[in-house]
Amino acid sequence: MQLEIRPYHPTDLTALYKICLQTANSGGDATRLFNNPDIVGHFYLAPYVQYEPEVAFIVTNNNEPCGYIVGTKDSQLFFEKSERDWLPMLRERYPLSDDSKGHVHDARIIKRIHEGYIVKEELRDYPAHLHINLLPETQGQGIGRKLMEIFINNLIDLNVSALHLEVGKANPGAINFYERMGFKIIKEYDHSISYGINF
């Protein structure tokens, strides 16, 4: 095993879609939960690498992608651009439907697509945000910390002042990881927690 971190390249996209799905169940494999294997990546991955590839980094194992971190320098601007250029296409492709029987997880993402990205008031002082997804083979080796440090140092170089993220309460490993990285709780919700860090 030879784990390396490098900048994102457009040829990574197909592999990253798979990783997104394989980590979408609170860090575990969600392949069996979704009827449409791409729908999670359409919302949580693709617009980030489309609009801000300069803040996307890939973990590879023997040159094969096995994890990634993506995000945005400015959540408000990112959401505005997505609302204008990305989400209308998805809404047309995935209309809202009352028929979610058997596809409840797909329906949940479709609902989010139609709601759009929203900057929560309590997160406005933390303009950047991220999504980090790592396959099991990368975990427990310090690669997550290295990936986060590269991402954060890149934001600092780009004059970004603070960063937030949201993690599900069903993912205690991720919660412990972020707290060890120095993130502080901003707000606790029913099923998730928002964390932030200032640079």
N, C-alpha and C. Protein backbone atom coordinates (compact mmCIF):
# COMPACT_ATOMS: atom_id res chain seq x y z
N MET A 1 0.84 -1.20 0.00
CA MET A 1 0.00 0.00 0.00
C MET A 1 0.87 1.24 0.00
N GLN A 2 0.56 2.14 -0.94
CA GLN A 2 1.31 3.39 -1.03
C GLN A 2 0.32 4.54 -1.15
N LEU A 3 0.04 5.17 0.01
CA LEU A 3 -0.92 6.26 0.04
C LEU A 3 -0.24 7.59 -0.25
N GLU A 4 -0.82 8.36 -1.16
CA GLU A 4 -0.29 9.67 -1.50
C GLU A 4 -1.45 10.66 -1.62
N ILE A 5 -1.15 11.94 -1.44
CA ILE A 5 -2.13 13.00 -1.60
C ILE A 5 -1.67 13.92 -2.73
N ARG A 6 -2.60 14.24 -3.60
CA ARG A 6 -2.29 15.12 -4.74
C ARG A 6 -3.50 15.98 -5.06
N PRO A 7 -3.32 17.03 -5.87
CA PRO A 7 -4.46 17.84 -6.29
C PRO A 7 -5.43 17.04 -7.16
N TYR A 8 -6.67 17.48 -7.17
CA TYR A 8 -7.71 16.87 -8.00
C TYR A 8 -7.42 17.08 -9.48
N HIS A 9 -7.77 16.06 -10.28
CA HIS A 9 -7.73 16.17 -11.73
C HIS A 9 -9.08 15.71 -12.27
N PRO A 10 -9.59 16.33 -13.33
CA PRO A 10 -10.92 15.95 -13.86
C PRO A 10 -11.09 14.46 -14.15
N THR A 11 -10.01 13.78 -14.46
CA THR A 11 -10.11 12.33 -14.73
C THR A 11 -10.44 11.53 -13.47
N ASP A 12 -10.38 12.17 -12.31
CA ASP A 12 -10.71 11.50 -11.04
C ASP A 12 -12.21 11.38 -10.81
N LEU A 13 -13.02 12.12 -11.55
CA LEU A 13 -14.41 12.32 -11.17
C LEU A 13 -15.20 11.01 -11.03
N THR A 14 -15.07 10.11 -11.96
CA THR A 14 -15.82 8.85 -11.89
C THR A 14 -15.47 8.07 -10.63
N ALA A 15 -14.19 8.00 -10.32
CA ALA A 15 -13.75 7.30 -9.11
C ALA A 15 -14.28 7.98 -7.85
N LEU A 16 -14.33 9.31 -7.87
CA LEU A 16 -14.80 10.04 -6.69
C LEU A 16 -16.29 9.85 -6.47
N TYR A 17 -17.04 9.73 -7.54
CA TYR A 17 -18.47 9.42 -7.41
C TYR A 17 -18.66 8.11 -6.64
N LYS A 18 -17.85 7.11 -6.96
CA LYS A 18 -17.94 5.81 -6.29
C LYS A 18 -17.59 5.94 -4.82
N ILE A 19 -16.53 6.69 -4.53
CA ILE A 19 -16.12 6.90 -3.15
C ILE A 19 -17.20 7.63 -2.37
N CYS A 20 -17.81 8.62 -3.00
CA CYS A 20 -18.88 9.37 -2.36
C CYS A 20 -20.00 8.43 -1.93
N LEU A 21 -20.39 7.52 -2.81
CA LEU A 21 -21.45 6.56 -2.50
C LEU A 21 -21.00 5.56 -1.43
N GLN A 22 -19.76 5.13 -1.52
CA GLN A 22 -19.25 4.10 -0.60
C GLN A 22 -18.98 4.64 0.80
N THR A 23 -19.15 5.94 0.99
CA THR A 23 -18.94 6.54 2.31
C THR A 23 -20.17 7.33 2.78
N ALA A 24 -21.28 7.21 2.05
CA ALA A 24 -22.45 8.07 2.29
C ALA A 24 -23.35 7.60 3.42
N ASN A 25 -23.06 6.45 4.00
CA ASN A 25 -23.86 5.93 5.11
C ASN A 25 -23.11 6.17 6.42
N SER A 26 -23.04 7.45 6.83
CA SER A 26 -22.29 7.85 8.03
C SER A 26 -20.87 7.31 8.00
N GLY A 27 -20.24 7.41 6.83
CA GLY A 27 -18.89 6.93 6.64
C GLY A 27 -18.81 5.53 6.09
N GLY A 28 -19.93 4.80 6.10
CA GLY A 28 -19.96 3.44 5.59
C GLY A 28 -20.55 3.38 4.19
N ASP A 29 -20.55 2.18 3.63
CA ASP A 29 -20.99 1.97 2.25
C ASP A 29 -22.51 2.13 2.13
N ALA A 30 -22.94 3.01 1.23
CA ALA A 30 -24.37 3.24 1.01
C ALA A 30 -24.84 2.69 -0.34
N THR A 31 -24.04 1.83 -0.95
CA THR A 31 -24.36 1.34 -2.29
C THR A 31 -25.74 0.70 -2.35
N ARG A 32 -26.10 -0.06 -1.33
CA ARG A 32 -27.38 -0.77 -1.34
C ARG A 32 -28.55 0.13 -0.93
N LEU A 33 -28.26 1.33 -0.47
CA LEU A 33 -29.33 2.21 0.01
C LEU A 33 -29.93 3.05 -1.11
N PHE A 34 -29.19 3.24 -2.20
CA PHE A 34 -29.63 4.16 -3.24
C PHE A 34 -29.98 3.41 -4.52
N ASN A 35 -31.11 3.77 -5.09
CA ASN A 35 -31.49 3.24 -6.40
C ASN A 35 -30.62 3.86 -7.49
N ASN A 36 -30.35 5.16 -7.35
CA ASN A 36 -29.50 5.88 -8.30
C ASN A 36 -28.12 6.07 -7.65
N PRO A 37 -27.10 5.37 -8.13
CA PRO A 37 -25.80 5.44 -7.46
C PRO A 37 -25.08 6.78 -7.58
N ASP A 38 -25.55 7.63 -8.50
CA ASP A 38 -24.85 8.90 -8.73
C ASP A 38 -25.46 10.08 -7.98
N ILE A 39 -26.65 9.90 -7.42
CA ILE A 39 -27.39 11.07 -6.94
C ILE A 39 -26.70 11.75 -5.75
N VAL A 40 -26.03 10.99 -4.91
CA VAL A 40 -25.32 11.60 -3.78
C VAL A 40 -24.17 12.47 -4.30
N GLY A 41 -23.43 11.93 -5.25
CA GLY A 41 -22.32 12.69 -5.82
C GLY A 41 -22.75 13.92 -6.57
N HIS A 42 -23.94 13.87 -7.19
CA HIS A 42 -24.45 15.04 -7.90
C HIS A 42 -24.60 16.24 -6.95
N PHE A 43 -24.94 15.97 -5.69
CA PHE A 43 -25.20 17.05 -4.74
C PHE A 43 -23.99 17.38 -3.87
N TYR A 44 -23.27 16.36 -3.41
CA TYR A 44 -22.22 16.57 -2.41
C TYR A 44 -20.80 16.57 -2.98
N LEU A 45 -20.66 16.31 -4.27
CA LEU A 45 -19.31 16.21 -4.83
C LEU A 45 -19.12 17.07 -6.08
N ALA A 46 -19.90 16.77 -7.11
CA ALA A 46 -19.61 17.32 -8.44
C ALA A 46 -19.53 18.84 -8.52
N PRO A 47 -20.47 19.59 -7.91
CA PRO A 47 -20.36 21.05 -8.06
C PRO A 47 -19.10 21.62 -7.43
N TYR A 48 -18.59 20.96 -6.40
CA TYR A 48 -17.38 21.46 -5.74
C TYR A 48 -16.17 21.36 -6.67
N VAL A 49 -15.99 20.20 -7.30
CA VAL A 49 -14.83 20.06 -8.19
C VAL A 49 -15.06 20.81 -9.50
N GLN A 50 -16.33 21.04 -9.84
CA GLN A 50 -16.63 21.81 -11.04
C GLN A 50 -16.27 23.28 -10.85
N TYR A 51 -16.61 23.85 -9.71
CA TYR A 51 -16.44 25.28 -9.49
C TYR A 51 -15.13 25.64 -8.78
N GLU A 52 -14.64 24.78 -7.91
CA GLU A 52 -13.44 25.12 -7.14
C GLU A 52 -12.46 23.95 -7.05
N PRO A 53 -11.96 23.50 -8.19
CA PRO A 53 -11.01 22.38 -8.19
C PRO A 53 -9.72 22.71 -7.46
N GLU A 54 -9.44 24.00 -7.30
CA GLU A 54 -8.19 24.41 -6.64
C GLU A 54 -8.18 24.10 -5.15
N VAL A 55 -9.34 23.76 -4.57
CA VAL A 55 -9.36 23.39 -3.16
C VAL A 55 -9.77 21.92 -2.99
N ALA A 56 -9.60 21.13 -4.04
CA ALA A 56 -9.91 19.70 -3.97
C ALA A 56 -8.62 18.88 -4.01
N PHE A 57 -8.53 17.90 -3.11
CA PHE A 57 -7.35 17.06 -3.02
C PHE A 57 -7.77 15.59 -2.92
N ILE A 58 -6.94 14.72 -3.50
CA ILE A 58 -7.27 13.31 -3.65
C ILE A 58 -6.24 12.46 -2.90
N VAL A 59 -6.72 11.43 -2.22
CA VAL A 59 -5.85 10.40 -1.66
C VAL A 59 -5.82 9.24 -2.64
N THR A 60 -4.63 8.76 -2.97
CA THR A 60 -4.52 7.60 -3.85
C THR A 60 -3.79 6.47 -3.14
N ASN A 61 -4.14 5.25 -3.51
CA ASN A 61 -3.44 4.05 -3.07
C ASN A 61 -2.91 3.38 -4.33
N ASN A 62 -1.59 3.38 -4.46
CA ASN A 62 -0.97 2.88 -5.70
C ASN A 62 -1.60 3.55 -6.93
N ASN A 63 -1.75 4.85 -6.82
CA ASN A 63 -2.25 5.72 -7.90
C ASN A 63 -3.76 5.63 -8.14
N GLU A 64 -4.49 4.83 -7.37
CA GLU A 64 -5.94 4.73 -7.52
C GLU A 64 -6.62 5.56 -6.42
N PRO A 65 -7.54 6.47 -6.78
CA PRO A 65 -8.21 7.27 -5.75
C PRO A 65 -8.92 6.42 -4.72
N CYS A 66 -8.73 6.77 -3.44
CA CYS A 66 -9.39 6.04 -2.34
C CYS A 66 -9.90 7.00 -1.28
N GLY A 67 -9.90 8.29 -1.58
CA GLY A 67 -10.43 9.28 -0.67
C GLY A 67 -10.27 10.67 -1.26
N TYR A 68 -10.97 11.63 -0.66
CA TYR A 68 -10.86 12.99 -1.18
C TYR A 68 -11.36 13.99 -0.15
N ILE A 69 -10.98 15.24 -0.38
CA ILE A 69 -11.55 16.36 0.35
C ILE A 69 -11.90 17.43 -0.69
N VAL A 70 -13.12 17.93 -0.61
CA VAL A 70 -13.57 19.00 -1.51
C VAL A 70 -14.25 20.06 -0.66
N GLY A 71 -14.41 21.23 -1.22
CA GLY A 71 -15.07 22.28 -0.46
C GLY A 71 -15.14 23.57 -1.25
N THR A 72 -15.37 24.64 -0.51
CA THR A 72 -15.47 25.95 -1.12
C THR A 72 -14.84 26.99 -0.21
N LYS A 73 -14.28 28.02 -0.81
CA LYS A 73 -13.68 29.11 -0.05
C LYS A 73 -14.74 30.02 0.53
N ASP A 74 -15.89 30.12 -0.16
CA ASP A 74 -16.95 31.05 0.25
C ASP A 74 -18.30 30.37 0.02
N SER A 75 -18.92 29.89 1.07
CA SER A 75 -20.15 29.12 0.95
C SER A 75 -21.26 29.91 0.27
N GLN A 76 -21.39 31.18 0.60
CA GLN A 76 -22.47 31.98 0.02
C GLN A 76 -22.32 32.10 -1.49
N LEU A 77 -21.12 32.41 -1.95
CA LEU A 77 -20.89 32.54 -3.39
C LEU A 77 -21.06 31.20 -4.10
N PHE A 78 -20.59 30.14 -3.46
CA PHE A 78 -20.73 28.81 -4.03
C PHE A 78 -22.20 28.44 -4.18
N PHE A 79 -22.99 28.71 -3.13
CA PHE A 79 -24.40 28.37 -3.18
C PHE A 79 -25.14 29.18 -4.24
N GLU A 80 -24.76 30.46 -4.37
CA GLU A 80 -25.39 31.30 -5.39
C GLU A 80 -25.09 30.79 -6.79
N LYS A 81 -23.85 30.41 -7.02
CA LYS A 81 -23.47 29.89 -8.34
C LYS A 81 -24.18 28.56 -8.61
N SER A 82 -24.27 27.71 -7.59
CA SER A 82 -24.96 26.43 -7.76
C SER A 82 -26.44 26.64 -8.05
N GLU A 83 -27.05 27.60 -7.39
CA GLU A 83 -28.46 27.89 -7.60
C GLU A 83 -28.71 28.38 -9.02
N ARG A 84 -27.74 29.08 -9.55
CA ARG A 84 -27.88 29.63 -10.90
C ARG A 84 -27.56 28.60 -11.98
N ASP A 85 -26.50 27.82 -11.78
CA ASP A 85 -25.94 27.03 -12.87
C ASP A 85 -26.05 25.51 -12.70
N TRP A 86 -26.16 25.03 -11.47
CA TRP A 86 -26.07 23.58 -11.24
C TRP A 86 -27.42 22.96 -10.87
N LEU A 87 -28.07 23.51 -9.87
CA LEU A 87 -29.29 22.89 -9.34
C LEU A 87 -30.47 22.90 -10.31
N PRO A 88 -30.67 23.93 -11.15
CA PRO A 88 -31.80 23.87 -12.08
C PRO A 88 -31.77 22.64 -12.98
N MET A 89 -30.58 22.26 -13.42
CA MET A 89 -30.43 21.08 -14.26
C MET A 89 -30.82 19.81 -13.49
N LEU A 90 -30.40 19.74 -12.22
CA LEU A 90 -30.74 18.57 -11.41
C LEU A 90 -32.22 18.51 -11.09
N ARG A 91 -32.82 19.66 -10.84
CA ARG A 91 -34.25 19.69 -10.52
C ARG A 91 -35.09 19.22 -11.71
N GLU A 92 -34.65 19.56 -12.89
CA GLU A 92 -35.37 19.10 -14.08
C GLU A 92 -35.20 17.59 -14.25
N ARG A 93 -34.02 17.12 -13.95
CA ARG A 93 -33.72 15.69 -14.12
C ARG A 93 -34.38 14.84 -13.04
N TYR A 94 -34.49 15.41 -11.83
CA TYR A 94 -35.04 14.67 -10.69
C TYR A 94 -36.20 15.46 -10.07
N PRO A 95 -37.39 15.36 -10.66
CA PRO A 95 -38.53 16.10 -10.10
C PRO A 95 -38.95 15.56 -8.75
N LEU A 96 -39.52 16.42 -7.95
CA LEU A 96 -40.08 15.98 -6.67
C LEU A 96 -41.24 15.04 -6.94
N SER A 97 -41.31 13.99 -6.11
CA SER A 97 -42.37 13.01 -6.28
C SER A 97 -42.81 12.49 -4.94
N ASP A 98 -44.09 12.20 -4.81
CA ASP A 98 -44.60 11.59 -3.59
C ASP A 98 -44.29 10.11 -3.52
N ASP A 99 -43.84 9.56 -4.63
CA ASP A 99 -43.59 8.12 -4.70
C ASP A 99 -42.14 7.82 -4.32
N SER A 100 -41.89 7.71 -3.01
CA SER A 100 -40.54 7.41 -2.54
C SER A 100 -40.44 5.99 -2.01
N LYS A 101 -41.49 5.20 -2.21
CA LYS A 101 -41.50 3.83 -1.69
C LYS A 101 -40.33 3.04 -2.27
N GLY A 102 -39.54 2.47 -1.37
CA GLY A 102 -38.40 1.68 -1.80
C GLY A 102 -37.18 2.50 -2.13
N HIS A 103 -37.32 3.81 -2.24
CA HIS A 103 -36.19 4.67 -2.61
C HIS A 103 -36.14 5.88 -1.68
N VAL A 104 -36.29 5.65 -0.41
CA VAL A 104 -36.39 6.75 0.54
C VAL A 104 -35.11 7.58 0.58
N HIS A 105 -33.96 6.94 0.39
CA HIS A 105 -32.70 7.69 0.43
C HIS A 105 -32.54 8.56 -0.81
N ASP A 106 -32.93 8.04 -1.97
CA ASP A 106 -32.94 8.86 -3.18
C ASP A 106 -33.85 10.07 -2.98
N ALA A 107 -35.04 9.83 -2.42
CA ALA A 107 -36.01 10.90 -2.22
C ALA A 107 -35.45 11.98 -1.29
N ARG A 108 -34.68 11.58 -0.30
CA ARG A 108 -34.10 12.55 0.64
C ARG A 108 -33.13 13.49 -0.09
N ILE A 109 -32.29 12.94 -0.98
CA ILE A 109 -31.36 13.78 -1.73
C ILE A 109 -32.10 14.65 -2.74
N ILE A 110 -33.13 14.09 -3.39
CA ILE A 110 -33.91 14.88 -4.34
C ILE A 110 -34.57 16.06 -3.63
N LYS A 111 -35.05 15.82 -2.42
CA LYS A 111 -35.64 16.91 -1.64
C LYS A 111 -34.60 18.00 -1.38
N ARG A 112 -33.37 17.61 -1.07
CA ARG A 112 -32.32 18.60 -0.83
C ARG A 112 -31.96 19.35 -2.10
N ILE A 113 -31.97 18.64 -3.22
CA ILE A 113 -31.71 19.31 -4.49
C ILE A 113 -32.73 20.41 -4.73
N HIS A 114 -33.99 20.15 -4.41
CA HIS A 114 -35.04 21.14 -4.65
C HIS A 114 -35.05 22.24 -3.58
N GLU A 115 -34.58 21.92 -2.39
CA GLU A 115 -34.45 22.96 -1.35
C GLU A 115 -33.29 23.88 -1.65
N GLY A 116 -32.26 23.33 -2.25
CA GLY A 116 -31.05 24.10 -2.55
C GLY A 116 -30.10 24.15 -1.37
N TYR A 117 -28.91 24.63 -1.63
CA TYR A 117 -27.93 24.82 -0.58
C TYR A 117 -28.30 26.08 0.22
N ILE A 118 -28.19 25.99 1.51
CA ILE A 118 -28.57 27.11 2.37
C ILE A 118 -27.44 27.40 3.35
N VAL A 119 -27.03 28.65 3.44
CA VAL A 119 -26.05 29.05 4.45
C VAL A 119 -26.80 29.35 5.74
N LYS A 120 -26.61 28.52 6.73
CA LYS A 120 -27.28 28.74 8.01
C LYS A 120 -26.70 29.97 8.70
N GLU A 121 -27.56 30.71 9.34
CA GLU A 121 -27.15 31.98 9.95
C GLU A 121 -25.98 31.80 10.90
N GLU A 122 -25.99 30.74 11.68
CA GLU A 122 -24.94 30.53 12.68
C GLU A 122 -23.58 30.16 12.06
N LEU A 123 -23.57 29.91 10.73
CA LEU A 123 -22.32 29.51 10.07
C LEU A 123 -21.71 30.63 9.23
N ARG A 124 -22.34 31.79 9.22
CA ARG A 124 -21.89 32.86 8.32
C ARG A 124 -20.51 33.39 8.65
N ASP A 125 -20.08 33.25 9.89
CA ASP A 125 -18.74 33.71 10.26
C ASP A 125 -17.66 32.69 9.90
N TYR A 126 -18.07 31.56 9.32
CA TYR A 126 -17.13 30.51 8.91
C TYR A 126 -17.35 30.25 7.41
N PRO A 127 -16.81 31.12 6.55
CA PRO A 127 -17.21 31.13 5.14
C PRO A 127 -16.90 29.86 4.36
N ALA A 128 -15.80 29.22 4.64
CA ALA A 128 -15.46 28.01 3.89
C ALA A 128 -16.15 26.79 4.50
N HIS A 129 -16.38 25.77 3.69
CA HIS A 129 -16.81 24.49 4.24
C HIS A 129 -16.25 23.35 3.40
N LEU A 130 -16.35 22.15 3.92
CA LEU A 130 -15.72 21.01 3.25
C LEU A 130 -16.56 19.75 3.37
N HIS A 131 -16.20 18.78 2.52
CA HIS A 131 -16.66 17.40 2.63
C HIS A 131 -15.42 16.51 2.48
N ILE A 132 -15.20 15.61 3.42
CA ILE A 132 -14.08 14.69 3.36
C ILE A 132 -14.62 13.27 3.41
N ASN A 133 -14.16 12.44 2.48
CA ASN A 133 -14.64 11.07 2.38
C ASN A 133 -13.45 10.13 2.14
N LEU A 134 -13.30 9.17 3.03
CA LEU A 134 -12.17 8.25 2.97
C LEU A 134 -12.65 6.81 3.03
N LEU A 135 -12.17 5.98 2.12
CA LEU A 135 -12.47 4.56 2.18
C LEU A 135 -11.74 3.92 3.36
N PRO A 136 -12.24 2.79 3.86
CA PRO A 136 -11.64 2.17 5.05
C PRO A 136 -10.14 1.92 4.94
N GLU A 137 -9.65 1.64 3.75
CA GLU A 137 -8.22 1.33 3.59
C GLU A 137 -7.32 2.50 3.96
N THR A 138 -7.87 3.72 3.95
CA THR A 138 -7.05 4.90 4.26
C THR A 138 -7.06 5.24 5.75
N GLN A 139 -7.96 4.65 6.50
CA GLN A 139 -8.22 5.11 7.86
C GLN A 139 -7.26 4.49 8.87
N GLY A 140 -7.03 5.25 9.95
CA GLY A 140 -6.15 4.78 11.01
C GLY A 140 -4.68 4.92 10.71
N GLN A 141 -4.34 5.69 9.68
CA GLN A 141 -2.94 5.84 9.29
C GLN A 141 -2.50 7.31 9.27
N GLY A 142 -3.35 8.17 9.78
CA GLY A 142 -3.00 9.58 9.82
C GLY A 142 -3.24 10.32 8.52
N ILE A 143 -3.78 9.62 7.52
CA ILE A 143 -3.95 10.26 6.21
C ILE A 143 -5.06 11.30 6.25
N GLY A 144 -6.09 11.07 7.07
CA GLY A 144 -7.17 12.05 7.19
C GLY A 144 -6.66 13.36 7.76
N ARG A 145 -5.82 13.29 8.77
CA ARG A 145 -5.24 14.50 9.36
C ARG A 145 -4.37 15.23 8.33
N LYS A 146 -3.56 14.49 7.60
CA LYS A 146 -2.70 15.11 6.58
C LYS A 146 -3.54 15.80 5.51
N LEU A 147 -4.61 15.14 5.11
CA LEU A 147 -5.49 15.71 4.09
C LEU A 147 -6.14 17.00 4.59
N MET A 148 -6.61 16.98 5.82
CA MET A 148 -7.21 18.18 6.41
C MET A 148 -6.18 19.31 6.51
N GLU A 149 -4.97 18.98 6.92
CA GLU A 149 -3.94 20.01 7.07
C GLU A 149 -3.60 20.64 5.73
N ILE A 150 -3.53 19.83 4.68
CA ILE A 150 -3.27 20.37 3.34
C ILE A 150 -4.41 21.29 2.91
N PHE A 151 -5.63 20.86 3.15
CA PHE A 151 -6.81 21.66 2.78
C PHE A 151 -6.81 22.99 3.53
N ILE A 152 -6.60 22.93 4.85
CA ILE A 152 -6.63 24.14 5.67
C ILE A 152 -5.49 25.08 5.30
N ASN A 153 -4.28 24.55 5.11
CA ASN A 153 -3.15 25.40 4.74
C ASN A 153 -3.39 26.07 3.39
N ASN A 154 -4.05 25.36 2.50
CA ASN A 154 -4.39 25.94 1.20
C ASN A 154 -5.38 27.09 1.37
N LEU A 155 -6.38 26.90 2.25
CA LEU A 155 -7.33 27.99 2.52
C LEU A 155 -6.62 29.20 3.11
N ILE A 156 -5.71 28.96 4.02
CA ILE A 156 -4.95 30.07 4.63
C ILE A 156 -4.19 30.83 3.55
N ASP A 157 -3.55 30.10 2.63
CA ASP A 157 -2.82 30.74 1.53
C ASP A 157 -3.75 31.56 0.65
N LEU A 158 -5.02 31.17 0.61
CA LEU A 158 -6.02 31.88 -0.20
C LEU A 158 -6.75 32.96 0.59
N ASN A 159 -6.23 33.26 1.79
CA ASN A 159 -6.76 34.32 2.66
C ASN A 159 -8.18 34.06 3.16
N VAL A 160 -8.49 32.79 3.38
CA VAL A 160 -9.77 32.43 3.99
C VAL A 160 -9.59 32.44 5.51
N SER A 161 -10.57 32.96 6.23
CA SER A 161 -10.40 33.20 7.66
C SER A 161 -10.94 32.10 8.56
N ALA A 162 -11.92 31.33 8.07
CA ALA A 162 -12.53 30.32 8.94
C ALA A 162 -13.25 29.27 8.09
N LEU A 163 -13.51 28.13 8.72
CA LEU A 163 -14.03 26.96 8.03
C LEU A 163 -15.07 26.27 8.90
N HIS A 164 -16.14 25.77 8.27
CA HIS A 164 -17.10 24.96 9.03
C HIS A 164 -17.37 23.64 8.30
N LEU A 165 -17.97 22.73 9.02
CA LEU A 165 -18.41 21.46 8.46
C LEU A 165 -19.55 20.96 9.31
N GLU A 166 -20.28 20.00 8.78
CA GLU A 166 -21.38 19.41 9.52
C GLU A 166 -21.21 17.90 9.49
N VAL A 167 -21.39 17.26 10.63
CA VAL A 167 -21.20 15.82 10.72
C VAL A 167 -22.41 15.19 11.40
N GLY A 168 -22.80 14.02 10.92
CA GLY A 168 -23.93 13.30 11.51
C GLY A 168 -23.59 12.73 12.87
N LYS A 169 -24.56 12.76 13.76
CA LYS A 169 -24.36 12.21 15.09
C LYS A 169 -24.13 10.70 15.06
N ALA A 170 -24.53 10.07 13.95
CA ALA A 170 -24.35 8.63 13.81
C ALA A 170 -22.93 8.26 13.40
N ASN A 171 -22.04 9.25 13.36
CA ASN A 171 -20.66 9.02 12.94
C ASN A 171 -19.70 9.49 14.03
N PRO A 172 -19.65 8.77 15.17
CA PRO A 172 -18.81 9.22 16.30
C PRO A 172 -17.32 9.26 15.97
N GLY A 173 -16.88 8.39 15.06
CA GLY A 173 -15.47 8.42 14.69
C GLY A 173 -15.09 9.74 14.05
N ALA A 174 -15.96 10.25 13.17
CA ALA A 174 -15.69 11.53 12.53
C ALA A 174 -15.75 12.67 13.54
N ILE A 175 -16.72 12.60 14.46
CA ILE A 175 -16.84 13.63 15.49
C ILE A 175 -15.56 13.71 16.31
N ASN A 176 -15.05 12.59 16.74
CA ASN A 176 -13.80 12.57 17.52
C ASN A 176 -12.63 13.11 16.70
N PHE A 177 -12.61 12.76 15.42
CA PHE A 177 -11.54 13.22 14.53
C PHE A 177 -11.54 14.74 14.43
N TYR A 178 -12.70 15.34 14.18
CA TYR A 178 -12.77 16.79 14.03
C TYR A 178 -12.42 17.50 15.33
N GLU A 179 -12.84 16.95 16.44
CA GLU A 179 -12.52 17.59 17.72
C GLU A 179 -11.03 17.51 18.00
N ARG A 180 -10.39 16.41 17.63
CA ARG A 180 -8.93 16.31 17.77
C ARG A 180 -8.21 17.28 16.85
N MET A 181 -8.85 17.61 15.72
CA MET A 181 -8.25 18.57 14.79
C MET A 181 -8.41 20.01 15.27
N GLY A 182 -9.16 20.23 16.34
CA GLY A 182 -9.31 21.56 16.90
C GLY A 182 -10.60 22.26 16.54
N PHE A 183 -11.51 21.57 15.89
CA PHE A 183 -12.81 22.16 15.57
C PHE A 183 -13.66 22.26 16.85
N LYS A 184 -14.43 23.33 16.94
CA LYS A 184 -15.31 23.57 18.08
C LYS A 184 -16.77 23.52 17.63
N ILE A 185 -17.63 23.06 18.52
CA ILE A 185 -19.05 22.98 18.19
C ILE A 185 -19.63 24.38 18.01
N ILE A 186 -20.32 24.58 16.89
CA ILE A 186 -21.05 25.82 16.65
C ILE A 186 -22.50 25.65 17.07
N LYS A 187 -23.11 24.56 16.60
CA LYS A 187 -24.50 24.30 16.95
C LYS A 187 -24.81 22.82 16.79
N GLU A 188 -25.65 22.32 17.69
CA GLU A 188 -26.09 20.94 17.62
C GLU A 188 -27.52 20.90 17.10
N TYR A 189 -27.76 20.05 16.11
CA TYR A 189 -29.09 19.87 15.53
C TYR A 189 -29.64 18.50 15.94
N ASP A 190 -30.80 18.16 15.42
CA ASP A 190 -31.42 16.88 15.79
C ASP A 190 -30.55 15.69 15.43
N HIS A 191 -29.98 15.70 14.22
CA HIS A 191 -29.24 14.54 13.73
C HIS A 191 -27.79 14.85 13.39
N SER A 192 -27.36 16.08 13.57
CA SER A 192 -26.00 16.44 13.17
C SER A 192 -25.46 17.56 14.07
N ILE A 193 -24.19 17.85 13.88
CA ILE A 193 -23.50 18.89 14.64
C ILE A 193 -22.67 19.72 13.67
N SER A 194 -22.74 21.03 13.79
CA SER A 194 -21.87 21.92 13.03
C SER A 194 -20.64 22.26 13.85
N TYR A 195 -19.50 22.16 13.20
CA TYR A 195 -18.21 22.49 13.83
C TYR A 195 -17.56 23.62 13.04
N GLY A 196 -16.74 24.40 13.71
CA GLY A 196 -16.01 25.47 13.05
C GLY A 196 -14.62 25.63 13.59
N ILE A 197 -13.77 26.25 12.79
CA ILE A 197 -12.39 26.55 13.21
C ILE A 197 -11.98 27.85 12.55
N ASN A 198 -11.30 28.70 13.31
CA ASN A 198 -10.74 29.95 12.79
C ASN A 198 -9.24 29.77 12.56
N PHE A 199 -8.74 30.48 11.55
CA PHE A 199 -7.32 30.37 11.23
C PHE A 199 -6.56 31.61 11.71
